[in-house]
Amino acid sequence: ITRRVEPAGFSNGLLVSFVVIRDLATA
């Protein structure tokens, strides 16, 4: 969970999801 969109969240081979805080409840 991050405040802003993190470039690392678009890396290949990730085994985790990234979400910005304002979208947390929806996700």
mmCIF file of all heavy atoms, coordinates in Angstrom:
data_MODEL
# 
_entry.id   MODEL 
# 
loop_
_atom_site.group_PDB 
_atom_site.id 
_atom_site.type_symbol 
_atom_site.label_atom_id 
_atom_site.label_alt_id 
_atom_site.label_comp_id 
_atom_site.label_asym_id 
_atom_site.label_entity_id 
_atom_site.label_seq_id 
_atom_site.pdbx_PDB_ins_code 
_atom_site.Cartn_x 
_atom_site.Cartn_y 
_atom_site.Cartn_z 
_atom_site.occupancy 
_atom_site.B_iso_or_equiv 
_atom_site.pdbx_formal_charge 
_atom_site.auth_seq_id 
_atom_site.auth_comp_id 
_atom_site.auth_asym_id 
_atom_site.auth_atom_id 
_atom_site.pdbx_PDB_model_num 
ATOM 1   N N   . ILE A 1 1  ? 0.857   -1.186  0.000   1.00 0.00 ? 1  ILE A N   1 
ATOM 2   C CA  . ILE A 1 1  ? 0.000   0.000   0.000   1.00 0.00 ? 1  ILE A CA  1 
ATOM 3   C C   . ILE A 1 1  ? 0.891   1.233   0.000   1.00 0.00 ? 1  ILE A C   1 
ATOM 4   O O   . ILE A 1 1  ? 1.786   1.361   0.848   1.00 0.00 ? 1  ILE A O   1 
ATOM 5   C CB  . ILE A 1 1  ? -0.915  0.009   1.244   1.00 0.00 ? 1  ILE A CB  1 
ATOM 6   C CG1 . ILE A 1 1  ? -1.734  -1.287  1.304   1.00 0.00 ? 1  ILE A CG1 1 
ATOM 7   C CG2 . ILE A 1 1  ? -1.824  1.237   1.236   1.00 0.00 ? 1  ILE A CG2 1 
ATOM 8   C CD1 . ILE A 1 1  ? -2.415  -1.513  2.633   1.00 0.00 ? 1  ILE A CD1 1 
ATOM 9   N N   . THR A 1 2  ? 0.652   2.143   -0.954  1.00 0.00 ? 2  THR A N   1 
ATOM 10  C CA  . THR A 1 2  ? 1.469   3.346   -1.072  1.00 0.00 ? 2  THR A CA  1 
ATOM 11  C C   . THR A 1 2  ? 0.579   4.578   -1.236  1.00 0.00 ? 2  THR A C   1 
ATOM 12  O O   . THR A 1 2  ? -0.601  4.469   -1.565  1.00 0.00 ? 2  THR A O   1 
ATOM 13  C CB  . THR A 1 2  ? 2.419   3.245   -2.281  1.00 0.00 ? 2  THR A CB  1 
ATOM 14  O OG1 . THR A 1 2  ? 1.647   3.090   -3.476  1.00 0.00 ? 2  THR A OG1 1 
ATOM 15  C CG2 . THR A 1 2  ? 3.379   2.067   -2.139  1.00 0.00 ? 2  THR A CG2 1 
ATOM 16  N N   . ARG A 1 3  ? 1.155   5.739   -1.001  1.00 0.00 ? 3  ARG A N   1 
ATOM 17  C CA  . ARG A 1 3  ? 0.408   6.989   -1.172  1.00 0.00 ? 3  ARG A CA  1 
ATOM 18  C C   . ARG A 1 3  ? 0.188   7.291   -2.647  1.00 0.00 ? 3  ARG A C   1 
ATOM 19  O O   . ARG A 1 3  ? -0.857  7.750   -3.050  1.00 0.00 ? 3  ARG A O   1 
ATOM 20  C CB  . ARG A 1 3  ? 1.157   8.155   -0.532  1.00 0.00 ? 3  ARG A CB  1 
ATOM 21  C CG  . ARG A 1 3  ? 0.411   9.479   -0.682  1.00 0.00 ? 3  ARG A CG  1 
ATOM 22  C CD  . ARG A 1 3  ? 1.214   10.658  -0.183  1.00 0.00 ? 3  ARG A CD  1 
ATOM 23  N NE  . ARG A 1 3  ? 1.573   10.531  1.202   1.00 0.00 ? 3  ARG A NE  1 
ATOM 24  C CZ  . ARG A 1 3  ? 0.993   11.201  2.197   1.00 0.00 ? 3  ARG A CZ  1 
ATOM 25  N NH1 . ARG A 1 3  ? 0.049   12.057  1.948   1.00 0.00 ? 3  ARG A NH1 1 
ATOM 26  N NH2 . ARG A 1 3  ? 1.394   11.016  3.433   1.00 0.00 ? 3  ARG A NH2 1 
ATOM 27  N N   . ARG A 1 4  ? 1.220   7.063   -3.464  1.00 0.00 ? 4  ARG A N   1 
ATOM 28  C CA  . ARG A 1 4  ? 1.174   7.348   -4.896  1.00 0.00 ? 4  ARG A CA  1 
ATOM 29  C C   . ARG A 1 4  ? 1.449   6.075   -5.677  1.00 0.00 ? 4  ARG A C   1 
ATOM 30  O O   . ARG A 1 4  ? 1.982   5.114   -5.133  1.00 0.00 ? 4  ARG A O   1 
ATOM 31  C CB  . ARG A 1 4  ? 2.251   8.369   -5.263  1.00 0.00 ? 4  ARG A CB  1 
ATOM 32  C CG  . ARG A 1 4  ? 2.079   9.718   -4.624  1.00 0.00 ? 4  ARG A CG  1 
ATOM 33  C CD  . ARG A 1 4  ? 3.332   10.585  -4.855  1.00 0.00 ? 4  ARG A CD  1 
ATOM 34  N NE  . ARG A 1 4  ? 3.415   11.605  -3.832  1.00 0.00 ? 4  ARG A NE  1 
ATOM 35  C CZ  . ARG A 1 4  ? 3.904   11.428  -2.613  1.00 0.00 ? 4  ARG A CZ  1 
ATOM 36  N NH1 . ARG A 1 4  ? 4.409   10.280  -2.246  1.00 0.00 ? 4  ARG A NH1 1 
ATOM 37  N NH2 . ARG A 1 4  ? 3.917   12.420  -1.747  1.00 0.00 ? 4  ARG A NH2 1 
ATOM 38  N N   . VAL A 1 5  ? 1.129   6.091   -6.949  1.00 0.00 ? 5  VAL A N   1 
ATOM 39  C CA  . VAL A 1 5  ? 1.461   4.966   -7.812  1.00 0.00 ? 5  VAL A CA  1 
ATOM 40  C C   . VAL A 1 5  ? 2.980   4.806   -7.813  1.00 0.00 ? 5  VAL A C   1 
ATOM 41  O O   . VAL A 1 5  ? 3.704   5.772   -8.055  1.00 0.00 ? 5  VAL A O   1 
ATOM 42  C CB  . VAL A 1 5  ? 0.935   5.199   -9.246  1.00 0.00 ? 5  VAL A CB  1 
ATOM 43  C CG1 . VAL A 1 5  ? 1.430   4.120   -10.186 1.00 0.00 ? 5  VAL A CG1 1 
ATOM 44  C CG2 . VAL A 1 5  ? -0.584  5.275   -9.246  1.00 0.00 ? 5  VAL A CG2 1 
ATOM 45  N N   . GLU A 1 6  ? 3.446   3.611   -7.510  1.00 0.00 ? 6  GLU A N   1 
ATOM 46  C CA  . GLU A 1 6  ? 4.883   3.337   -7.466  1.00 0.00 ? 6  GLU A CA  1 
ATOM 47  C C   . GLU A 1 6  ? 5.324   2.646   -8.747  1.00 0.00 ? 6  GLU A C   1 
ATOM 48  O O   . GLU A 1 6  ? 4.727   1.636   -9.137  1.00 0.00 ? 6  GLU A O   1 
ATOM 49  C CB  . GLU A 1 6  ? 5.231   2.446   -6.269  1.00 0.00 ? 6  GLU A CB  1 
ATOM 50  C CG  . GLU A 1 6  ? 5.228   3.150   -4.941  1.00 0.00 ? 6  GLU A CG  1 
ATOM 51  C CD  . GLU A 1 6  ? 6.308   4.212   -4.836  1.00 0.00 ? 6  GLU A CD  1 
ATOM 52  O OE1 . GLU A 1 6  ? 7.357   4.090   -5.500  1.00 0.00 ? 6  GLU A OE1 1 
ATOM 53  O OE2 . GLU A 1 6  ? 6.104   5.164   -4.066  1.00 0.00 ? 6  GLU A OE2 1 
ATOM 54  N N   . PRO A 1 7  ? 6.376   3.152   -9.395  1.00 0.00 ? 7  PRO A N   1 
ATOM 55  C CA  . PRO A 1 7  ? 6.894   2.499   -10.595 1.00 0.00 ? 7  PRO A CA  1 
ATOM 56  C C   . PRO A 1 7  ? 7.247   1.024   -10.365 1.00 0.00 ? 7  PRO A C   1 
ATOM 57  O O   . PRO A 1 7  ? 7.094   0.205   -11.261 1.00 0.00 ? 7  PRO A O   1 
ATOM 58  C CB  . PRO A 1 7  ? 8.129   3.328   -10.953 1.00 0.00 ? 7  PRO A CB  1 
ATOM 59  C CG  . PRO A 1 7  ? 7.830   4.691   -10.409 1.00 0.00 ? 7  PRO A CG  1 
ATOM 60  C CD  . PRO A 1 7  ? 7.065   4.424   -9.137  1.00 0.00 ? 7  PRO A CD  1 
ATOM 61  N N   . ALA A 1 8  ? 7.682   0.677   -9.180  1.00 0.00 ? 8  ALA A N   1 
ATOM 62  C CA  . ALA A 1 8  ? 8.036   -0.717  -8.880  1.00 0.00 ? 8  ALA A CA  1 
ATOM 63  C C   . ALA A 1 8  ? 6.842   -1.652  -9.071  1.00 0.00 ? 8  ALA A C   1 
ATOM 64  O O   . ALA A 1 8  ? 7.015   -2.834  -9.359  1.00 0.00 ? 8  ALA A O   1 
ATOM 65  C CB  . ALA A 1 8  ? 8.571   -0.829  -7.455  1.00 0.00 ? 8  ALA A CB  1 
ATOM 66  N N   . GLY A 1 9  ? 5.634   -1.143  -8.945  1.00 0.00 ? 9  GLY A N   1 
ATOM 67  C CA  . GLY A 1 9  ? 4.435   -1.951  -9.102  1.00 0.00 ? 9  GLY A CA  1 
ATOM 68  C C   . GLY A 1 9  ? 4.201   -2.432  -10.528 1.00 0.00 ? 9  GLY A C   1 
ATOM 69  O O   . GLY A 1 9  ? 3.325   -3.257  -10.768 1.00 0.00 ? 9  GLY A O   1 
ATOM 70  N N   . PHE A 1 10 ? 4.993   -1.915  -11.462 1.00 0.00 ? 10 PHE A N   1 
ATOM 71  C CA  . PHE A 1 10 ? 4.851   -2.307  -12.864 1.00 0.00 ? 10 PHE A CA  1 
ATOM 72  C C   . PHE A 1 10 ? 5.984   -3.226  -13.315 1.00 0.00 ? 10 PHE A C   1 
ATOM 73  O O   . PHE A 1 10 ? 6.120   -3.512  -14.504 1.00 0.00 ? 10 PHE A O   1 
ATOM 74  C CB  . PHE A 1 10 ? 4.802   -1.052  -13.746 1.00 0.00 ? 10 PHE A CB  1 
ATOM 75  C CG  . PHE A 1 10 ? 3.611   -0.194  -13.447 1.00 0.00 ? 10 PHE A CG  1 
ATOM 76  C CD1 . PHE A 1 10 ? 3.700   0.846   -12.532 1.00 0.00 ? 10 PHE A CD1 1 
ATOM 77  C CD2 . PHE A 1 10 ? 2.389   -0.447  -14.057 1.00 0.00 ? 10 PHE A CD2 1 
ATOM 78  C CE1 . PHE A 1 10 ? 2.599   1.633   -12.242 1.00 0.00 ? 10 PHE A CE1 1 
ATOM 79  C CE2 . PHE A 1 10 ? 1.280   0.334   -13.768 1.00 0.00 ? 10 PHE A CE2 1 
ATOM 80  C CZ  . PHE A 1 10 ? 1.386   1.379   -12.848 1.00 0.00 ? 10 PHE A CZ  1 
ATOM 81  N N   . SER A 1 11 ? 6.785   -3.695  -12.377 1.00 0.00 ? 11 SER A N   1 
ATOM 82  C CA  . SER A 1 11 ? 7.910   -4.573  -12.700 1.00 0.00 ? 11 SER A CA  1 
ATOM 83  C C   . SER A 1 11 ? 7.415   -5.973  -13.055 1.00 0.00 ? 11 SER A C   1 
ATOM 84  O O   . SER A 1 11 ? 6.406   -6.442  -12.530 1.00 0.00 ? 11 SER A O   1 
ATOM 85  C CB  . SER A 1 11 ? 8.867   -4.666  -11.509 1.00 0.00 ? 11 SER A CB  1 
ATOM 86  O OG  . SER A 1 11 ? 9.382   -3.398  -11.207 1.00 0.00 ? 11 SER A OG  1 
ATOM 87  N N   . ASN A 1 12 ? 8.148   -6.632  -13.932 1.00 0.00 ? 12 ASN A N   1 
ATOM 88  C CA  . ASN A 1 12 ? 7.816   -8.006  -14.319 1.00 0.00 ? 12 ASN A CA  1 
ATOM 89  C C   . ASN A 1 12 ? 8.147   -8.966  -13.190 1.00 0.00 ? 12 ASN A C   1 
ATOM 90  O O   . ASN A 1 12 ? 9.101   -8.762  -12.444 1.00 0.00 ? 12 ASN A O   1 
ATOM 91  C CB  . ASN A 1 12 ? 8.606   -8.418  -15.563 1.00 0.00 ? 12 ASN A CB  1 
ATOM 92  C CG  . ASN A 1 12 ? 8.136   -7.707  -16.803 1.00 0.00 ? 12 ASN A CG  1 
ATOM 93  O OD1 . ASN A 1 12 ? 6.963   -7.361  -16.920 1.00 0.00 ? 12 ASN A OD1 1 
ATOM 94  N ND2 . ASN A 1 12 ? 9.031   -7.480  -17.731 1.00 0.00 ? 12 ASN A ND2 1 
ATOM 95  N N   . GLY A 1 13 ? 7.369   -10.006 -13.065 1.00 0.00 ? 13 GLY A N   1 
ATOM 96  C CA  . GLY A 1 13 ? 7.665   -11.076 -12.125 1.00 0.00 ? 13 GLY A CA  1 
ATOM 97  C C   . GLY A 1 13 ? 7.302   -10.802 -10.681 1.00 0.00 ? 13 GLY A C   1 
ATOM 98  O O   . GLY A 1 13 ? 7.742   -11.532 -9.794  1.00 0.00 ? 13 GLY A O   1 
ATOM 99  N N   . LEU A 1 14 ? 6.509   -9.777  -10.411 1.00 0.00 ? 14 LEU A N   1 
ATOM 100 C CA  . LEU A 1 14 ? 6.125   -9.486  -9.032  1.00 0.00 ? 14 LEU A CA  1 
ATOM 101 C C   . LEU A 1 14 ? 5.234   -10.580 -8.463  1.00 0.00 ? 14 LEU A C   1 
ATOM 102 O O   . LEU A 1 14 ? 4.416   -11.163 -9.177  1.00 0.00 ? 14 LEU A O   1 
ATOM 103 C CB  . LEU A 1 14 ? 5.365   -8.160  -8.956  1.00 0.00 ? 14 LEU A CB  1 
ATOM 104 C CG  . LEU A 1 14 ? 6.174   -6.890  -9.106  1.00 0.00 ? 14 LEU A CG  1 
ATOM 105 C CD1 . LEU A 1 14 ? 5.248   -5.681  -9.123  1.00 0.00 ? 14 LEU A CD1 1 
ATOM 106 C CD2 . LEU A 1 14 ? 7.183   -6.754  -7.979  1.00 0.00 ? 14 LEU A CD2 1 
ATOM 107 N N   . LEU A 1 15 ? 5.387   -10.840 -7.185  1.00 0.00 ? 15 LEU A N   1 
ATOM 108 C CA  . LEU A 1 15 ? 4.539   -11.801 -6.490  1.00 0.00 ? 15 LEU A CA  1 
ATOM 109 C C   . LEU A 1 15 ? 3.664   -11.117 -5.451  1.00 0.00 ? 15 LEU A C   1 
ATOM 110 O O   . LEU A 1 15 ? 3.153   -11.763 -4.526  1.00 0.00 ? 15 LEU A O   1 
ATOM 111 C CB  . LEU A 1 15 ? 5.397   -12.892 -5.837  1.00 0.00 ? 15 LEU A CB  1 
ATOM 112 C CG  . LEU A 1 15 ? 6.221   -13.728 -6.816  1.00 0.00 ? 15 LEU A CG  1 
ATOM 113 C CD1 . LEU A 1 15 ? 7.097   -14.714 -6.069  1.00 0.00 ? 15 LEU A CD1 1 
ATOM 114 C CD2 . LEU A 1 15 ? 5.322   -14.444 -7.814  1.00 0.00 ? 15 LEU A CD2 1 
ATOM 115 N N   . VAL A 1 16 ? 3.529   -9.803  -5.576  1.00 0.00 ? 16 VAL A N   1 
ATOM 116 C CA  . VAL A 1 16 ? 2.677   -9.005  -4.697  1.00 0.00 ? 16 VAL A CA  1 
ATOM 117 C C   . VAL A 1 16 ? 1.903   -8.015  -5.556  1.00 0.00 ? 16 VAL A C   1 
ATOM 118 O O   . VAL A 1 16 ? 2.282   -7.726  -6.681  1.00 0.00 ? 16 VAL A O   1 
ATOM 119 C CB  . VAL A 1 16 ? 3.490   -8.249  -3.616  1.00 0.00 ? 16 VAL A CB  1 
ATOM 120 C CG1 . VAL A 1 16 ? 4.314   -9.198  -2.773  1.00 0.00 ? 16 VAL A CG1 1 
ATOM 121 C CG2 . VAL A 1 16 ? 4.366   -7.182  -4.228  1.00 0.00 ? 16 VAL A CG2 1 
ATOM 122 N N   . SER A 1 17 ? 0.823   -7.489  -4.984  1.00 0.00 ? 17 SER A N   1 
ATOM 123 C CA  . SER A 1 17 ? 0.055   -6.442  -5.645  1.00 0.00 ? 17 SER A CA  1 
ATOM 124 C C   . SER A 1 17 ? 0.374   -5.104  -4.984  1.00 0.00 ? 17 SER A C   1 
ATOM 125 O O   . SER A 1 17 ? 0.723   -5.051  -3.806  1.00 0.00 ? 17 SER A O   1 
ATOM 126 C CB  . SER A 1 17 ? -1.441  -6.723  -5.531  1.00 0.00 ? 17 SER A CB  1 
ATOM 127 O OG  . SER A 1 17 ? -1.761  -7.918  -6.192  1.00 0.00 ? 17 SER A OG  1 
ATOM 128 N N   . PHE A 1 18 ? 0.249   -4.029  -5.749  1.00 0.00 ? 18 PHE A N   1 
ATOM 129 C CA  . PHE A 1 18 ? 0.432   -2.670  -5.260  1.00 0.00 ? 18 PHE A CA  1 
ATOM 130 C C   . PHE A 1 18 ? -0.894  -1.930  -5.400  1.00 0.00 ? 18 PHE A C   1 
ATOM 131 O O   . PHE A 1 18 ? -1.562  -2.054  -6.430  1.00 0.00 ? 18 PHE A O   1 
ATOM 132 C CB  . PHE A 1 18 ? 1.457   -1.920  -6.116  1.00 0.00 ? 18 PHE A CB  1 
ATOM 133 C CG  . PHE A 1 18 ? 2.899   -2.212  -5.820  1.00 0.00 ? 18 PHE A CG  1 
ATOM 134 C CD1 . PHE A 1 18 ? 3.435   -3.462  -6.044  1.00 0.00 ? 18 PHE A CD1 1 
ATOM 135 C CD2 . PHE A 1 18 ? 3.732   -1.212  -5.334  1.00 0.00 ? 18 PHE A CD2 1 
ATOM 136 C CE1 . PHE A 1 18 ? 4.769   -3.728  -5.801  1.00 0.00 ? 18 PHE A CE1 1 
ATOM 137 C CE2 . PHE A 1 18 ? 5.076   -1.463  -5.081  1.00 0.00 ? 18 PHE A CE2 1 
ATOM 138 C CZ  . PHE A 1 18 ? 5.588   -2.730  -5.313  1.00 0.00 ? 18 PHE A CZ  1 
ATOM 139 N N   . VAL A 1 19 ? -1.258  -1.135  -4.406  1.00 0.00 ? 19 VAL A N   1 
ATOM 140 C CA  . VAL A 1 19 ? -2.454  -0.299  -4.496  1.00 0.00 ? 19 VAL A CA  1 
ATOM 141 C C   . VAL A 1 19 ? -2.172  1.026   -3.797  1.00 0.00 ? 19 VAL A C   1 
ATOM 142 O O   . VAL A 1 19 ? -1.442  1.060   -2.797  1.00 0.00 ? 19 VAL A O   1 
ATOM 143 C CB  . VAL A 1 19 ? -3.688  -1.011  -3.885  1.00 0.00 ? 19 VAL A CB  1 
ATOM 144 C CG1 . VAL A 1 19 ? -3.549  -1.167  -2.385  1.00 0.00 ? 19 VAL A CG1 1 
ATOM 145 C CG2 . VAL A 1 19 ? -4.977  -0.286  -4.249  1.00 0.00 ? 19 VAL A CG2 1 
ATOM 146 N N   . VAL A 1 20 ? -2.728  2.104   -4.336  1.00 0.00 ? 20 VAL A N   1 
ATOM 147 C CA  . VAL A 1 20 ? -2.598  3.394   -3.663  1.00 0.00 ? 20 VAL A CA  1 
ATOM 148 C C   . VAL A 1 20 ? -3.659  3.469   -2.572  1.00 0.00 ? 20 VAL A C   1 
ATOM 149 O O   . VAL A 1 20 ? -4.743  2.875   -2.684  1.00 0.00 ? 20 VAL A O   1 
ATOM 150 C CB  . VAL A 1 20 ? -2.699  4.589   -4.644  1.00 0.00 ? 20 VAL A CB  1 
ATOM 151 C CG1 . VAL A 1 20 ? -1.497  4.620   -5.573  1.00 0.00 ? 20 VAL A CG1 1 
ATOM 152 C CG2 . VAL A 1 20 ? -3.984  4.556   -5.432  1.00 0.00 ? 20 VAL A CG2 1 
ATOM 153 N N   . ILE A 1 21 ? -3.364  4.198   -1.524  1.00 0.00 ? 21 ILE A N   1 
ATOM 154 C CA  . ILE A 1 21 ? -4.206  4.224   -0.333  1.00 0.00 ? 21 ILE A CA  1 
ATOM 155 C C   . ILE A 1 21 ? -5.645  4.630   -0.646  1.00 0.00 ? 21 ILE A C   1 
ATOM 156 O O   . ILE A 1 21 ? -6.579  4.079   -0.087  1.00 0.00 ? 21 ILE A O   1 
ATOM 157 C CB  . ILE A 1 21 ? -3.580  5.111   0.781   1.00 0.00 ? 21 ILE A CB  1 
ATOM 158 C CG1 . ILE A 1 21 ? -4.323  4.949   2.098   1.00 0.00 ? 21 ILE A CG1 1 
ATOM 159 C CG2 . ILE A 1 21 ? -3.556  6.567   0.374   1.00 0.00 ? 21 ILE A CG2 1 
ATOM 160 C CD1 . ILE A 1 21 ? -4.003  3.688   2.820   1.00 0.00 ? 21 ILE A CD1 1 
ATOM 161 N N   . ARG A 1 22 ? -5.834  5.571   -1.564  1.00 0.00 ? 22 ARG A N   1 
ATOM 162 C CA  . ARG A 1 22 ? -7.201  6.025   -1.855  1.00 0.00 ? 22 ARG A CA  1 
ATOM 163 C C   . ARG A 1 22 ? -8.042  4.925   -2.509  1.00 0.00 ? 22 ARG A C   1 
ATOM 164 O O   . ARG A 1 22 ? -9.264  4.993   -2.505  1.00 0.00 ? 22 ARG A O   1 
ATOM 165 C CB  . ARG A 1 22 ? -7.191  7.289   -2.702  1.00 0.00 ? 22 ARG A CB  1 
ATOM 166 C CG  . ARG A 1 22 ? -6.761  7.090   -4.123  1.00 0.00 ? 22 ARG A CG  1 
ATOM 167 C CD  . ARG A 1 22 ? -6.877  8.386   -4.943  1.00 0.00 ? 22 ARG A CD  1 
ATOM 168 N NE  . ARG A 1 22 ? -6.213  8.232   -6.203  1.00 0.00 ? 22 ARG A NE  1 
ATOM 169 C CZ  . ARG A 1 22 ? -4.929  8.486   -6.449  1.00 0.00 ? 22 ARG A CZ  1 
ATOM 170 N NH1 . ARG A 1 22 ? -4.169  8.941   -5.477  1.00 0.00 ? 22 ARG A NH1 1 
ATOM 171 N NH2 . ARG A 1 22 ? -4.403  8.305   -7.632  1.00 0.00 ? 22 ARG A NH2 1 
ATOM 172 N N   . ASP A 1 23 ? -7.403  3.895   -3.061  1.00 0.00 ? 23 ASP A N   1 
ATOM 173 C CA  . ASP A 1 23 ? -8.118  2.792   -3.698  1.00 0.00 ? 23 ASP A CA  1 
ATOM 174 C C   . ASP A 1 23 ? -8.160  1.533   -2.846  1.00 0.00 ? 23 ASP A C   1 
ATOM 175 O O   . ASP A 1 23 ? -8.683  0.506   -3.275  1.00 0.00 ? 23 ASP A O   1 
ATOM 176 C CB  . ASP A 1 23 ? -7.456  2.452   -5.042  1.00 0.00 ? 23 ASP A CB  1 
ATOM 177 C CG  . ASP A 1 23 ? -7.611  3.563   -6.058  1.00 0.00 ? 23 ASP A CG  1 
ATOM 178 O OD1 . ASP A 1 23 ? -8.564  4.350   -5.944  1.00 0.00 ? 23 ASP A OD1 1 
ATOM 179 O OD2 . ASP A 1 23 ? -6.775  3.632   -6.972  1.00 0.00 ? 23 ASP A OD2 1 
ATOM 180 N N   . LEU A 1 24 ? -7.630  1.608   -1.637  1.00 0.00 ? 24 LEU A N   1 
ATOM 181 C CA  . LEU A 1 24 ? -7.511  0.411   -0.804  1.00 0.00 ? 24 LEU A CA  1 
ATOM 182 C C   . LEU A 1 24 ? -8.859  -0.242  -0.524  1.00 0.00 ? 24 LEU A C   1 
ATOM 183 O O   . LEU A 1 24 ? -9.029  -1.440  -0.742  1.00 0.00 ? 24 LEU A O   1 
ATOM 184 C CB  . LEU A 1 24 ? -6.796  0.745   0.509   1.00 0.00 ? 24 LEU A CB  1 
ATOM 185 C CG  . LEU A 1 24 ? -6.641  -0.418  1.488   1.00 0.00 ? 24 LEU A CG  1 
ATOM 186 C CD1 . LEU A 1 24 ? -5.829  -1.546  0.868   1.00 0.00 ? 24 LEU A CD1 1 
ATOM 187 C CD2 . LEU A 1 24 ? -6.003  0.068   2.778   1.00 0.00 ? 24 LEU A CD2 1 
ATOM 188 N N   . ALA A 1 25 ? -9.828  0.518   -0.047  1.00 0.00 ? 25 ALA A N   1 
ATOM 189 C CA  . ALA A 1 25 ? -11.133 -0.070  0.302   1.00 0.00 ? 25 ALA A CA  1 
ATOM 190 C C   . ALA A 1 25 ? -11.776 -0.737  -0.909  1.00 0.00 ? 25 ALA A C   1 
ATOM 191 O O   . ALA A 1 25 ? -12.307 -1.845  -0.808  1.00 0.00 ? 25 ALA A O   1 
ATOM 192 C CB  . ALA A 1 25 ? -12.052 0.997   0.888   1.00 0.00 ? 25 ALA A CB  1 
ATOM 193 N N   . THR A 1 26 ? -11.707 -0.094  -2.055  1.00 0.00 ? 26 THR A N   1 
ATOM 194 C CA  . THR A 1 26 ? -12.280 -0.665  -3.269  1.00 0.00 ? 26 THR A CA  1 
ATOM 195 C C   . THR A 1 26 ? -11.573 -1.960  -3.652  1.00 0.00 ? 26 THR A C   1 
ATOM 196 O O   . THR A 1 26 ? -12.210 -2.952  -4.003  1.00 0.00 ? 26 THR A O   1 
ATOM 197 C CB  . THR A 1 26 ? -12.200 0.346   -4.432  1.00 0.00 ? 26 THR A CB  1 
ATOM 198 O OG1 . THR A 1 26 ? -12.883 1.546   -4.036  1.00 0.00 ? 26 THR A OG1 1 
ATOM 199 C CG2 . THR A 1 26 ? -12.820 -0.200  -5.687  1.00 0.00 ? 26 THR A CG2 1 
ATOM 200 N N   . ALA A 1 27 ? -10.248 -1.966  -3.581  1.00 0.00 ? 27 ALA A N   1 
ATOM 201 C CA  . ALA A 1 27 ? -9.482  -3.169  -3.932  1.00 0.00 ? 27 ALA A CA  1 
ATOM 202 C C   . ALA A 1 27 ? -9.811  -4.324  -2.994  1.00 0.00 ? 27 ALA A C   1 
ATOM 203 O O   . ALA A 1 27 ? -9.940  -5.471  -3.437  1.00 0.00 ? 27 ALA A O   1 
ATOM 204 C CB  . ALA A 1 27 ? -7.988  -2.869  -3.903  1.00 0.00 ? 27 ALA A CB  1 
# 
